Amino acid sequence: MATTGSRTLQLLSLLQTQRYWPGSVLAARLEVSVRTLRRDVDRLRELGYPVDATRGVDGGYQLAAGASLPPLVVDDEEAVALAVGLRTAAQSGIAGIEDASVRALTKVVQVMPPRLRRRVEALRSATVAGSLRPGPSVDAEVLTTIAQACRDEERLDFVYTARDGERTDRRVEPHRLVSVGRRWYLVAYDLTRFDWRSFRLDRLSGPRATGSRFRPRDLPADDAAAFVRASLGGVAPTPLNVVAIVRAPLADVQATIGPWATTEPVDDTRTRIRMTADNADWALYGLGAVDAPIESVSPRAVAERMHVWAERFAAANASEGTGEQAPGIHDA
């Protein structure tokens, strides 16, 4: 059996991962009696954690919403995942969350021991940002409201705007949130259409939990992500992993490169850039912002597209030299 101190931490961790625990189930997970569980809960309350208890045969425990958040208990792996997740959220398309993510990331990294900081930095340097092009902005409050309804299996009301601009009131049984192709989607059973649907969150407004619980239905797909991809007409395009070498020192490239790419020195005068882009044109937009000669670029699709761009610009320059305007180019 675990010691009292470690068992208390395990109890807190369990309460943080699930909204409500029946007392008998929680005691079985901790391998203690119900009486010992009650003492452990009292110990958490003495430490400042608000734990609500429901009495009776089916009674149980849950963390209550308090005026302030007590310290969270995380292990090494969870701490690293938290830091990486916050760094990603700081560059997300969720409105209002970027600044909060940066502040939270600063606090998390400050209390990390050096060995964990090195792991976080290693993950950051080895990870390429997912896309050059941001998706539609999603309100953070909308996202969290829907996420809680999914977790609590609670029916949800909202207004949805279709592609043609038509607005309709919807009541759904929310299943999962999915991020695909720079957009957020809600997979849910639509009680007004009597079928499964995927809803773009940037077209959804005024989500409100109804307080009505439901028994989850079987999703007609392997998982929520597969359902969204199928509703979009197939699998999303495979992104390009682009590698380019530019003739400029690392410090100069880092001063102009955005958060969508990682850099490393080749030597004192050259820098290697790695990025992930949806297509060759978006990769070239990013490389063009570096303002340095491009020595090499891969894969072949990007290199070939770069030659097309070069020929197009050269033709425009030649037309200007003869006093003629190339098609599509006009004086302001």
C-alpha atoms as a PDB file:
ATOM      1  CA  MET A   1       0.000   0.000   0.000  1.00  0.00           C
ATOM      2  CA  ALA A   2       1.248   3.513  -0.758  1.00  0.00           C
ATOM      3  CA  THR A   3       2.332   5.849   2.037  1.00  0.00           C
ATOM      4  CA  THR A   4      -0.140   8.431   3.317  1.00  0.00           C
ATOM      5  CA  GLY A   5       1.666  11.285   1.534  1.00  0.00           C
ATOM      6  CA  SER A   6       1.937   9.585  -1.858  1.00  0.00           C
ATOM      7  CA  ARG A   7      -1.633   8.311  -1.587  1.00  0.00           C
ATOM      8  CA  THR A   8      -2.878  11.847  -0.955  1.00  0.00           C
ATOM      9  CA  LEU A   9      -1.112  13.038  -4.101  1.00  0.00           C
ATOM     10  CA  GLN A  10      -2.599  10.137  -6.061  1.00  0.00           C
ATOM     11  CA  LEU A  11      -6.067  11.017  -4.745  1.00  0.00           C
ATOM     12  CA  LEU A  12      -5.653  14.632  -5.820  1.00  0.00           C
ATOM     13  CA  SER A  13      -4.458  13.550  -9.255  1.00  0.00           C
ATOM     14  CA  LEU A  14      -7.521  11.316  -9.708  1.00  0.00           C
ATOM     15  CA  LEU A  15      -9.898  14.089  -8.633  1.00  0.00           C
ATOM     16  CA  GLN A  16      -8.289  16.426 -11.166  1.00  0.00           C
ATOM     17  CA  THR A  17      -8.753  14.018 -14.078  1.00  0.00           C
ATOM     18  CA  GLN A  18     -12.467  13.316 -13.661  1.00  0.00           C
ATOM     19  CA  ARG A  19     -15.341  15.530 -12.552  1.00  0.00           C
ATOM     20  CA  TYR A  20     -17.012  13.034 -10.210  1.00  0.00           C
ATOM     21  CA  TRP A  21     -15.860   9.809  -8.547  1.00  0.00           C
ATOM     22  CA  PRO A  22     -18.169   7.374  -6.703  1.00  0.00           C
ATOM     23  CA  GLY A  23     -16.654   6.740  -3.286  1.00  0.00           C
ATOM     24  CA  SER A  24     -16.423   2.976  -3.716  1.00  0.00           C
ATOM     25  CA  VAL A  25     -14.685   3.303  -7.094  1.00  0.00           C
ATOM     26  CA  LEU A  26     -12.222   5.863  -5.771  1.00  0.00           C
ATOM     27  CA  ALA A  27     -11.403   3.712  -2.730  1.00  0.00           C
ATOM     28  CA  ALA A  28     -10.819   0.700  -4.990  1.00  0.00           C
ATOM     29  CA  ARG A  29      -8.445   2.708  -7.222  1.00  0.00           C
ATOM     30  CA  LEU A  30      -6.440   3.742  -4.160  1.00  0.00           C
ATOM     31  CA  GLU A  31      -6.674   0.233  -2.638  1.00  0.00           C
ATOM     32  CA  VAL A  32      -7.978   1.590   0.693  1.00  0.00           C
ATOM     33  CA  SER A  33     -11.172   1.329   2.702  1.00  0.00           C
ATOM     34  CA  VAL A  34     -13.969   3.867   2.394  1.00  0.00           C
ATOM     35  CA  ARG A  35     -13.141   5.089   5.912  1.00  0.00           C
ATOM     36  CA  THR A  36      -9.481   5.677   4.959  1.00  0.00           C
ATOM     37  CA  LEU A  37     -10.644   7.496   1.832  1.00  0.00           C
ATOM     38  CA  ARG A  38     -12.690   9.886   3.974  1.00  0.00           C
ATOM     39  CA  ARG A  39      -9.617  10.679   6.080  1.00  0.00           C
ATOM     40  CA  ASP A  40      -7.556  11.323   2.944  1.00  0.00           C
ATOM     41  CA  VAL A  41     -10.253  13.664   1.625  1.00  0.00           C
ATOM     42  CA  ASP A  42     -10.213  15.548   4.937  1.00  0.00           C
ATOM     43  CA  ARG A  43      -6.442  15.872   4.608  1.00  0.00           C
ATOM     44  CA  LEU A  44      -6.845  17.450   1.154  1.00  0.00           C
ATOM     45  CA  ARG A  45      -9.338  19.930   2.568  1.00  0.00           C
ATOM     46  CA  GLU A  46      -6.849  20.911   5.277  1.00  0.00           C
ATOM     47  CA  LEU A  47      -4.340  21.632   2.493  1.00  0.00           C
ATOM     48  CA  GLY A  48      -6.801  24.037   0.851  1.00  0.00           C
ATOM     49  CA  TYR A  49      -8.352  21.857  -1.841  1.00  0.00           C
ATOM     50  CA  PRO A  50     -12.173  22.258  -1.944  1.00  0.00           C
ATOM     51  CA  VAL A  51     -13.577  18.717  -2.183  1.00  0.00           C
ATOM     52  CA  ASP A  52     -17.354  18.270  -2.286  1.00  0.00           C
ATOM     53  CA  ALA A  53     -18.892  15.042  -0.969  1.00  0.00           C
ATOM     54  CA  THR A  54     -22.255  13.487  -1.831  1.00  0.00           C
ATOM     55  CA  ARG A  55     -23.672  11.208   0.854  1.00  0.00           C
ATOM     56  CA  GLY A  56     -25.690   8.036   0.360  1.00  0.00           C
ATOM     57  CA  VAL A  57     -25.232   4.634  -1.229  1.00  0.00           C
ATOM     58  CA  ASP A  58     -24.130   6.174  -4.519  1.00  0.00           C
ATOM     59  CA  GLY A  59     -22.220   9.001  -2.837  1.00  0.00           C
ATOM     60  CA  GLY A  60     -18.889  10.233  -4.094  1.00  0.00           C
ATOM     61  CA  TYR A  61     -16.411  13.084  -4.343  1.00  0.00           C
ATOM     62  CA  GLN A  62     -15.425  15.861  -6.725  1.00  0.00           C
ATOM     63  CA  LEU A  63     -13.215  18.939  -6.669  1.00  0.00           C
ATOM     64  CA  ALA A  64     -15.365  22.032  -6.188  1.00  0.00           C
ATOM     65  CA  ALA A  65     -14.892  25.261  -8.086  1.00  0.00           C
ATOM     66  CA  GLY A  66     -13.044  27.571  -5.690  1.00  0.00           C
ATOM     67  CA  ALA A  67     -12.159  31.247  -5.628  1.00  0.00           C
ATOM     68  CA  SER A  68      -8.519  30.351  -6.216  1.00  0.00           C
ATOM     69  CA  LEU A  69      -6.796  27.384  -7.800  1.00  0.00           C
ATOM     70  CA  PRO A  70      -4.596  25.349  -5.428  1.00  0.00           C
ATOM     71  CA  PRO A  71      -1.265  24.065  -6.742  1.00  0.00           C
ATOM     72  CA  LEU A  72      -1.703  21.357  -9.365  1.00  0.00           C
ATOM     73  CA  VAL A  73       0.090  18.061  -8.873  1.00  0.00           C
ATOM     74  CA  VAL A  74       1.935  16.916 -12.002  1.00  0.00           C
ATOM     75  CA  ASP A  75       4.700  14.411 -12.565  1.00  0.00           C
ATOM     76  CA  ASP A  76       7.749  14.943 -14.802  1.00  0.00           C
ATOM     77  CA  GLU A  77       6.058  13.734 -17.999  1.00  0.00           C
ATOM     78  CA  GLU A  78       2.971  15.868 -17.334  1.00  0.00           C
ATOM     79  CA  ALA A  79       5.122  18.937 -16.644  1.00  0.00           C
ATOM     80  CA  VAL A  80       6.937  18.577 -19.974  1.00  0.00           C
ATOM     81  CA  ALA A  81       3.649  18.001 -21.817  1.00  0.00           C
ATOM     82  CA  LEU A  82       2.162  21.073 -20.112  1.00  0.00           C
ATOM     83  CA  ALA A  83       5.062  23.304 -21.174  1.00  0.00           C
ATOM     84  CA  VAL A  84       5.015  22.072 -24.770  1.00  0.00           C
ATOM     85  CA  GLY A  85       1.230  22.447 -24.928  1.00  0.00           C
ATOM     86  CA  LEU A  86       1.383  26.021 -23.638  1.00  0.00           C
ATOM     87  CA  ARG A  87       4.072  26.892 -26.179  1.00  0.00           C
ATOM     88  CA  THR A  88       1.844  25.534 -28.951  1.00  0.00           C
ATOM     89  CA  ALA A  89      -1.210  27.360 -27.574  1.00  0.00           C
ATOM     90  CA  ALA A  90       0.743  30.627 -27.654  1.00  0.00           C
ATOM     91  CA  GLN A  91       0.778  30.291 -31.467  1.00  0.00           C
ATOM     92  CA  SER A  92      -2.765  28.930 -31.828  1.00  0.00           C
ATOM     93  CA  GLY A  93      -5.824  30.337 -33.506  1.00  0.00           C
ATOM     94  CA  ILE A  94      -7.778  30.571 -30.253  1.00  0.00           C
ATOM     95  CA  ALA A  95      -8.701  34.202 -29.632  1.00  0.00           C
ATOM     96  CA  GLY A  96      -7.507  35.637 -26.345  1.00  0.00           C
ATOM     97  CA  ILE A  97      -5.466  32.617 -25.317  1.00  0.00           C
ATOM     98  CA  GLU A  98      -2.077  33.551 -26.767  1.00  0.00           C
ATOM     99  CA  ASP A  99      -1.052  36.078 -24.089  1.00  0.00           C
ATOM    100  CA  ALA A 100      -2.402  33.895 -21.268  1.00  0.00           C
ATOM    101  CA  SER A 101      -0.442  30.929 -22.624  1.00  0.00           C
ATOM    102  CA  VAL A 102       2.793  32.939 -22.671  1.00  0.00           C
ATOM    103  CA  ARG A 103       2.244  34.059 -19.063  1.00  0.00           C
ATOM    104  CA  ALA A 104       1.442  30.529 -17.907  1.00  0.00           C
ATOM    105  CA  LEU A 105       4.407  29.093 -19.813  1.00  0.00           C
ATOM    106  CA  THR A 106       6.743  31.563 -18.099  1.00  0.00           C
ATOM    107  CA  LYS A 107       5.489  30.471 -14.674  1.00  0.00           C
ATOM    108  CA  VAL A 108       5.765  26.764 -15.481  1.00  0.00           C
ATOM    109  CA  VAL A 109       9.298  26.988 -16.855  1.00  0.00           C
ATOM    110  CA  GLN A 110      10.468  29.083 -13.890  1.00  0.00           C
ATOM    111  CA  VAL A 111       9.631  26.319 -11.399  1.00  0.00           C
ATOM    112  CA  MET A 112      11.001  23.481 -13.520  1.00  0.00           C
ATOM    113  CA  PRO A 113      14.268  21.831 -12.485  1.00  0.00           C
ATOM    114  CA  PRO A 114      17.083  22.219 -15.065  1.00  0.00           C
ATOM    115  CA  ARG A 115      16.742  18.628 -16.318  1.00  0.00           C
ATOM    116  CA  LEU A 116      13.104  19.231 -17.304  1.00  0.00           C
ATOM    117  CA  ARG A 117      13.896  22.596 -18.872  1.00  0.00           C
ATOM    118  CA  ARG A 118      16.439  20.850 -21.109  1.00  0.00           C
ATOM    119  CA  ARG A 119      13.814  18.322 -22.192  1.00  0.00           C
ATOM    120  CA  VAL A 120      11.335  21.079 -23.048  1.00  0.00           C
ATOM    121  CA  GLU A 121      13.961  22.953 -25.058  1.00  0.00           C
ATOM    122  CA  ALA A 122      14.968  19.767 -26.884  1.00  0.00           C
ATOM    123  CA  LEU A 123      11.353  19.138 -27.852  1.00  0.00           C
ATOM    124  CA  ARG A 124      10.938  22.740 -29.015  1.00  0.00           C
ATOM    125  CA  SER A 125      14.044  22.686 -31.200  1.00  0.00           C
ATOM    126  CA  ALA A 126      13.127  19.337 -32.755  1.00  0.00           C
ATOM    127  CA  THR A 127       9.505  20.257 -33.507  1.00  0.00           C
ATOM    128  CA  VAL A 128       8.391  22.084 -36.636  1.00  0.00           C
ATOM    129  CA  ALA A 129       5.338  24.321 -36.516  1.00  0.00           C
ATOM    130  CA  GLY A 130       2.352  22.756 -38.218  1.00  0.00           C
ATOM    131  CA  SER A 131       1.389  25.483 -40.670  1.00  0.00           C
ATOM    132  CA  LEU A 132       2.394  28.841 -42.087  1.00  0.00           C
ATOM    133  CA  ARG A 133      -1.190  29.940 -42.523  1.00  0.00           C
ATOM    134  CA  PRO A 134      -3.320  30.501 -39.404  1.00  0.00           C
ATOM    135  CA  GLY A 135      -6.880  29.244 -39.352  1.00  0.00           C
ATOM    136  CA  PRO A 136     -10.017  31.138 -38.387  1.00  0.00           C
ATOM    137  CA  SER A 137      -9.924  32.509 -34.864  1.00  0.00           C
ATOM    138  CA  VAL A 138     -11.973  30.665 -32.221  1.00  0.00           C
ATOM    139  CA  ASP A 139     -13.049  32.313 -28.969  1.00  0.00           C
ATOM    140  CA  ALA A 140     -11.431  30.609 -25.973  1.00  0.00           C
ATOM    141  CA  GLU A 141     -14.657  30.753 -23.944  1.00  0.00           C
ATOM    142  CA  VAL A 142     -16.534  28.987 -26.734  1.00  0.00           C
ATOM    143  CA  LEU A 143     -13.880  26.284 -26.842  1.00  0.00           C
ATOM    144  CA  THR A 144     -13.894  25.664 -23.082  1.00  0.00           C
ATOM    145  CA  THR A 145     -17.701  25.692 -22.828  1.00  0.00           C
ATOM    146  CA  ILE A 146     -17.970  23.025 -25.507  1.00  0.00           C
ATOM    147  CA  ALA A 147     -15.099  20.987 -24.064  1.00  0.00           C
ATOM    148  CA  GLN A 148     -16.807  20.897 -20.660  1.00  0.00           C
ATOM    149  CA  ALA A 149     -20.102  19.808 -22.238  1.00  0.00           C
ATOM    150  CA  CYS A 150     -18.271  16.982 -24.025  1.00  0.00           C
ATOM    151  CA  ARG A 151     -16.630  15.916 -20.776  1.00  0.00           C
ATOM    152  CA  ASP A 152     -19.827  16.104 -18.698  1.00  0.00           C
ATOM    153  CA  GLU A 153     -22.034  14.483 -21.380  1.00  0.00           C
ATOM    154  CA  GLU A 154     -24.396  17.453 -21.252  1.00  0.00           C
ATOM    155  CA  ARG A 155     -26.612  18.604 -24.117  1.00  0.00           C
ATOM    156  CA  LEU A 156     -25.617  21.875 -25.754  1.00  0.00           C
ATOM    157  CA  ASP A 157     -27.546  24.698 -27.448  1.00  0.00           C
ATOM    158  CA  PHE A 158     -25.976  27.129 -29.917  1.00  0.00           C
ATOM    159  CA  VAL A 159     -26.571  29.134 -33.088  1.00  0.00           C
ATOM    160  CA  TYR A 160     -24.858  27.849 -36.222  1.00  0.00           C
ATOM    161  CA  THR A 161     -24.157  29.819 -39.386  1.00  0.00           C
ATOM    162  CA  ALA A 162     -23.979  27.720 -42.542  1.00  0.00           C
ATOM    163  CA  ARG A 163     -21.729  28.439 -45.507  1.00  0.00           C
ATOM    164  CA  ASP A 164     -24.556  30.295 -47.283  1.00  0.00           C
ATOM    165  CA  GLY A 165     -25.092  32.544 -44.234  1.00  0.00           C
ATOM    166  CA  GLU A 166     -28.262  30.848 -42.950  1.00  0.00           C
ATOM    167  CA  ARG A 167     -28.437  30.858 -39.131  1.00  0.00           C
ATOM    168  CA  THR A 168     -30.196  28.049 -37.274  1.00  0.00           C
ATOM    169  CA  ASP A 169     -30.680  27.102 -33.638  1.00  0.00           C
ATOM    170  CA  ARG A 170     -29.181  23.720 -32.793  1.00  0.00           C
ATOM    171  CA  ARG A 171     -29.387  21.354 -29.836  1.00  0.00           C
ATOM    172  CA  VAL A 172     -26.773  18.606 -29.855  1.00  0.00           C
ATOM    173  CA  GLU A 173     -25.202  15.847 -27.804  1.00  0.00           C
ATOM    174  CA  PRO A 174     -21.521  16.859 -27.975  1.00  0.00           C
ATOM    175  CA  HIS A 175     -18.982  14.084 -28.506  1.00  0.00           C
ATOM    176  CA  ARG A 176     -15.474  15.419 -29.195  1.00  0.00           C
ATOM    177  CA  LEU A 177     -13.544  18.500 -30.322  1.00  0.00           C
ATOM    178  CA  VAL A 178     -11.227  17.945 -33.293  1.00  0.00           C
ATOM    179  CA  SER A 179      -8.560  20.170 -34.857  1.00  0.00           C
ATOM    180  CA  VAL A 180      -8.114  19.458 -38.578  1.00  0.00           C
ATOM    181  CA  GLY A 181      -6.554  21.621 -41.279  1.00  0.00           C
ATOM    182  CA  ARG A 182      -6.098  24.722 -39.045  1.00  0.00           C
ATOM    183  CA  ARG A 183      -9.778  24.637 -38.017  1.00  0.00           C
ATOM    184  CA  TRP A 184     -11.621  23.439 -34.906  1.00  0.00           C
ATOM    185  CA  TYR A 185     -14.668  21.184 -35.263  1.00  0.00           C
ATOM    186  CA  LEU A 186     -17.279  19.845 -32.856  1.00  0.00           C
ATOM    187  CA  VAL A 187     -18.449  16.298 -33.550  1.00  0.00           C
ATOM    188  CA  ALA A 188     -21.949  15.874 -32.117  1.00  0.00           C
ATOM    189  CA  TYR A 189     -25.286  14.149 -32.568  1.00  0.00           C
ATOM    190  CA  ASP A 190     -27.648  16.810 -33.882  1.00  0.00           C
ATOM    191  CA  LEU A 191     -31.037  16.518 -32.156  1.00  0.00           C
ATOM    192  CA  THR A 192     -32.629  18.845 -34.720  1.00  0.00           C
ATOM    193  CA  ARG A 193     -31.399  16.771 -37.693  1.00  0.00           C
ATOM    194  CA  PHE A 194     -31.424  13.372 -35.944  1.00  0.00           C
ATOM    195  CA  ASP A 195     -27.984  12.499 -37.259  1.00  0.00           C
ATOM    196  CA  TRP A 196     -24.284  12.940 -36.557  1.00  0.00           C
ATOM    197  CA  ARG A 197     -22.743  16.218 -37.694  1.00  0.00           C
ATOM    198  CA  SER A 198     -19.450  18.117 -37.546  1.00  0.00           C
ATOM    199  CA  PHE A 199     -19.664  21.860 -36.797  1.00  0.00           C
ATOM    200  CA  ARG A 200     -16.961  24.431 -37.448  1.00  0.00           C
ATOM    201  CA  LEU A 201     -16.373  26.323 -34.208  1.00  0.00           C
ATOM    202  CA  ASP A 202     -15.714  29.646 -35.967  1.00  0.00           C
ATOM    203  CA  ARG A 203     -19.293  29.446 -37.318  1.00  0.00           C
ATOM    204  CA  LEU A 204     -20.797  28.552 -33.946  1.00  0.00           C
ATOM    205  CA  SER A 205     -21.983  31.197 -31.480  1.00  0.00           C
ATOM    206  CA  GLY A 206     -23.579  31.407 -28.051  1.00  0.00           C
ATOM    207  CA  PRO A 207     -22.959  27.830 -26.852  1.00  0.00           C
ATOM    208  CA  ARG A 208     -24.906  27.089 -23.675  1.00  0.00           C
ATOM    209  CA  ALA A 209     -24.976  23.906 -21.616  1.00  0.00           C
ATOM    210  CA  THR A 210     -28.606  22.936 -20.982  1.00  0.00           C
ATOM    211  CA  GLY A 211     -28.069  20.947 -17.794  1.00  0.00           C
ATOM    212  CA  SER A 212     -29.633  17.906 -19.468  1.00  0.00           C
ATOM    213  CA  ARG A 213     -27.405  14.815 -19.434  1.00  0.00           C
ATOM    214  CA  PHE A 214     -27.419  12.094 -22.094  1.00  0.00           C
ATOM    215  CA  ARG A 215     -26.168   8.575 -22.651  1.00  0.00           C
ATOM    216  CA  PRO A 216     -23.415   8.659 -25.331  1.00  0.00           C
ATOM    217  CA  ARG A 217     -24.307   7.155 -28.708  1.00  0.00           C
ATOM    218  CA  ASP A 218     -21.995   5.053 -30.878  1.00  0.00           C
ATOM    219  CA  LEU A 219     -20.105   7.225 -33.336  1.00  0.00           C
ATOM    220  CA  PRO A 220     -20.358   5.876 -36.930  1.00  0.00           C
ATOM    221  CA  ALA A 221     -16.590   6.117 -37.464  1.00  0.00           C
ATOM    222  CA  ASP A 222     -13.347   4.805 -35.994  1.00  0.00           C
ATOM    223  CA  ASP A 223     -12.848   8.068 -34.108  1.00  0.00           C
ATOM    224  CA  ALA A 224     -13.907  11.718 -34.159  1.00  0.00           C
ATOM    225  CA  ALA A 225     -10.989  12.832 -36.354  1.00  0.00           C
ATOM    226  CA  ALA A 226     -11.857  10.207 -38.975  1.00  0.00           C
ATOM    227  CA  PHE A 227     -15.483  11.373 -38.913  1.00  0.00           C
ATOM    228  CA  VAL A 228     -14.464  15.008 -39.551  1.00  0.00           C
ATOM    229  CA  ARG A 229     -12.136  14.059 -42.399  1.00  0.00           C
ATOM    230  CA  ALA A 230     -14.872  11.962 -43.993  1.00  0.00           C
ATOM    231  CA  SER A 231     -17.334  14.857 -43.704  1.00  0.00           C
ATOM    232  CA  LEU A 232     -14.802  17.097 -45.459  1.00  0.00           C
ATOM    233  CA  GLY A 233     -14.672  14.710 -48.395  1.00  0.00           C
ATOM    234  CA  GLY A 234     -11.592  12.707 -47.522  1.00  0.00           C
ATOM    235  CA  VAL A 235      -8.247  12.921 -45.831  1.00  0.00           C
ATOM    236  CA  ALA A 236      -6.638  16.349 -45.505  1.00  0.00           C
ATOM    237  CA  PRO A 237      -3.668  17.003 -47.849  1.00  0.00           C
ATOM    238  CA  THR A 238      -0.331  15.748 -46.600  1.00  0.00           C
ATOM    239  CA  PRO A 239       1.838  18.737 -45.574  1.00  0.00           C
ATOM    240  CA  LEU A 240       5.256  19.344 -47.073  1.00  0.00           C
ATOM    241  CA  ASN A 241       8.341  19.050 -44.853  1.00  0.00           C
ATOM    242  CA  VAL A 242      10.529  21.771 -46.331  1.00  0.00           C
ATOM    243  CA  VAL A 243      14.276  22.160 -45.786  1.00  0.00           C
ATOM    244  CA  ALA A 244      16.176  25.143 -47.214  1.00  0.00           C
ATOM    245  CA  ILE A 245      19.720  26.487 -46.868  1.00  0.00           C
ATOM    246  CA  VAL A 246      20.126  30.252 -47.170  1.00  0.00           C
ATOM    247  CA  ARG A 247      23.328  32.275 -47.428  1.00  0.00           C
ATOM    248  CA  ALA A 248      23.013  34.288 -44.242  1.00  0.00           C
ATOM    249  CA  PRO A 249      24.332  33.788 -40.691  1.00  0.00           C
ATOM    250  CA  LEU A 250      22.022  32.280 -38.098  1.00  0.00           C
ATOM    251  CA  ALA A 251      21.535  35.519 -36.140  1.00  0.00           C
ATOM    252  CA  ASP A 252      20.360  37.407 -39.254  1.00  0.00           C
ATOM    253  CA  VAL A 253      17.880  34.676 -40.196  1.00  0.00           C
ATOM    254  CA  GLN A 254      16.488  34.409 -36.670  1.00  0.00           C
ATOM    255  CA  ALA A 255      15.867  38.168 -36.672  1.00  0.00           C
ATOM    256  CA  THR A 256      13.469  37.837 -39.624  1.00  0.00           C
ATOM    257  CA  ILE A 257      12.088  34.299 -39.442  1.00  0.00           C
ATOM    258  CA  GLY A 258       8.650  33.754 -37.949  1.00  0.00           C
ATOM    259  CA  PRO A 259       7.491  31.175 -35.386  1.00  0.00           C
ATOM    260  CA  TRP A 260       6.518  28.828 -38.222  1.00  0.00           C
ATOM    261  CA  ALA A 261      10.065  27.543 -38.799  1.00  0.00           C
ATOM    262  CA  THR A 262      13.139  26.297 -36.949  1.00  0.00           C
ATOM    263  CA  THR A 263      16.715  27.237 -37.761  1.00  0.00           C
ATOM    264  CA  GLU A 264      20.193  25.827 -37.247  1.00  0.00           C
ATOM    265  CA  PRO A 265      23.638  26.944 -38.446  1.00  0.00           C
ATOM    266  CA  VAL A 266      25.324  25.154 -41.347  1.00  0.00           C
ATOM    267  CA  ASP A 267      28.469  27.246 -40.862  1.00  0.00           C
ATOM    268  CA  ASP A 268      29.272  30.886 -40.028  1.00  0.00           C
ATOM    269  CA  THR A 269      27.665  32.203 -43.230  1.00  0.00           C
ATOM    270  CA  ARG A 270      24.820  29.753 -43.945  1.00  0.00           C
ATOM    271  CA  THR A 271      21.655  28.685 -42.113  1.00  0.00           C
ATOM    272  CA  ARG A 272      19.360  25.701 -42.516  1.00  0.00           C
ATOM    273  CA  ILE A 273      15.605  26.385 -42.237  1.00  0.00           C
ATOM    274  CA  ARG A 274      13.021  23.669 -41.564  1.00  0.00           C
ATOM    275  CA  MET A 275       9.289  24.189 -41.836  1.00  0.00           C
ATOM    276  CA  THR A 276       6.002  22.449 -42.577  1.00  0.00           C
ATOM    277  CA  ALA A 277       3.693  24.019 -45.168  1.00  0.00           C
ATOM    278  CA  ASP A 278       0.368  23.098 -46.747  1.00  0.00           C
ATOM    279  CA  ASN A 279       1.777  23.635 -50.226  1.00  0.00           C
ATOM    280  CA  ALA A 280       4.852  24.889 -52.080  1.00  0.00           C
ATOM    281  CA  ASP A 281       3.559  28.455 -52.474  1.00  0.00           C
ATOM    282  CA  TRP A 282       3.150  28.929 -48.719  1.00  0.00           C
ATOM    283  CA  ALA A 283       6.694  27.633 -48.187  1.00  0.00           C
ATOM    284  CA  LEU A 284       8.034  30.181 -50.675  1.00  0.00           C
ATOM    285  CA  TYR A 285       6.113  33.021 -48.993  1.00  0.00           C
ATOM    286  CA  GLY A 286       7.952  32.169 -45.793  1.00  0.00           C
ATOM    287  CA  LEU A 287      11.364  31.816 -47.404  1.00  0.00           C
ATOM    288  CA  GLY A 288      10.869  35.083 -49.271  1.00  0.00           C
ATOM    289  CA  ALA A 289      10.527  36.918 -45.961  1.00  0.00           C
ATOM    290  CA  VAL A 290      14.048  35.868 -44.942  1.00  0.00           C
ATOM    291  CA  ASP A 291      15.650  38.276 -47.468  1.00  0.00           C
ATOM    292  CA  ALA A 292      18.683  36.083 -48.176  1.00  0.00           C
ATOM    293  CA  PRO A 293      19.874  34.093 -51.224  1.00  0.00           C
ATOM    294  CA  ILE A 294      18.484  30.555 -51.240  1.00  0.00           C
ATOM    295  CA  GLU A 295      21.242  28.023 -51.853  1.00  0.00           C
ATOM    296  CA  SER A 296      19.102  24.881 -51.916  1.00  0.00           C
ATOM    297  CA  VAL A 297      15.576  23.779 -51.115  1.00  0.00           C
ATOM    298  CA  SER A 298      13.741  20.470 -50.884  1.00  0.00           C
ATOM    299  CA  PRO A 299      11.493  18.649 -51.638  1.00  0.00           C
ATOM    300  CA  ARG A 300      11.467  18.809 -55.442  1.00  0.00           C
ATOM    301  CA  ALA A 301       7.931  20.230 -55.551  1.00  0.00           C
ATOM    302  CA  VAL A 302       9.105  23.380 -53.742  1.00  0.00           C
ATOM    303  CA  ALA A 303      12.220  23.722 -55.916  1.00  0.00           C
ATOM    304  CA  GLU A 304      10.165  23.401 -59.105  1.00  0.00           C
ATOM    305  CA  ARG A 305       7.625  25.933 -57.868  1.00  0.00           C
ATOM    306  CA  MET A 306      10.463  28.339 -57.021  1.00  0.00           C
ATOM    307  CA  HIS A 307      11.664  28.176 -60.663  1.00  0.00           C
ATOM    308  CA  VAL A 308       8.123  29.005 -61.839  1.00  0.00           C
ATOM    309  CA  TRP A 309       8.124  32.041 -59.561  1.00  0.00           C
ATOM    310  CA  ALA A 310      11.568  33.089 -60.806  1.00  0.00           C
ATOM    311  CA  GLU A 311      10.479  32.901 -64.462  1.00  0.00           C
ATOM    312  CA  ARG A 312       7.334  34.886 -63.693  1.00  0.00           C
ATOM    313  CA  PHE A 313       9.258  37.680 -61.941  1.00  0.00           C
ATOM    314  CA  ALA A 314      11.936  37.701 -64.633  1.00  0.00           C
ATOM    315  CA  ALA A 315       9.270  38.110 -67.308  1.00  0.00           C
ATOM    316  CA  ALA A 316       7.741  41.018 -65.416  1.00  0.00           C
ATOM    317  CA  ASN A 317      11.160  42.667 -65.124  1.00  0.00           C
ATOM    318  CA  ALA A 318      11.843  42.188 -68.843  1.00  0.00           C
ATOM    319  CA  SER A 319       8.519  43.786 -69.752  1.00  0.00           C
ATOM    320  CA  GLU A 320       9.311  46.786 -67.575  1.00  0.00           C
ATOM    321  CA  GLY A 321      12.675  47.195 -69.333  1.00  0.00           C
ATOM    322  CA  THR A 322      10.982  47.474 -72.755  1.00  0.00           C
ATOM    323  CA  GLY A 323       8.406  49.949 -71.554  1.00  0.00           C
ATOM    324  CA  GLU A 324       5.625  47.358 -71.742  1.00  0.00           C
ATOM    325  CA  GLN A 325       3.493  46.180 -68.885  1.00  0.00           C
ATOM    326  CA  ALA A 326       3.197  42.484 -68.205  1.00  0.00           C
ATOM    327  CA  PRO A 327      -0.379  41.210 -67.964  1.00  0.00           C
ATOM    328  CA  GLY A 328      -1.804  41.820 -64.512  1.00  0.00           C
ATOM    329  CA  ILE A 329       0.769  44.494 -63.574  1.00  0.00           C
ATOM    330  CA  HIS A 330      -0.518  48.099 -63.496  1.00  0.00           C
ATOM    331  CA  ASP A 331       0.855  51.412 -62.281  1.00  0.00           C
ATOM    332  CA  ALA A 332      -0.683  52.725 -59.072  1.00  0.00           C
END
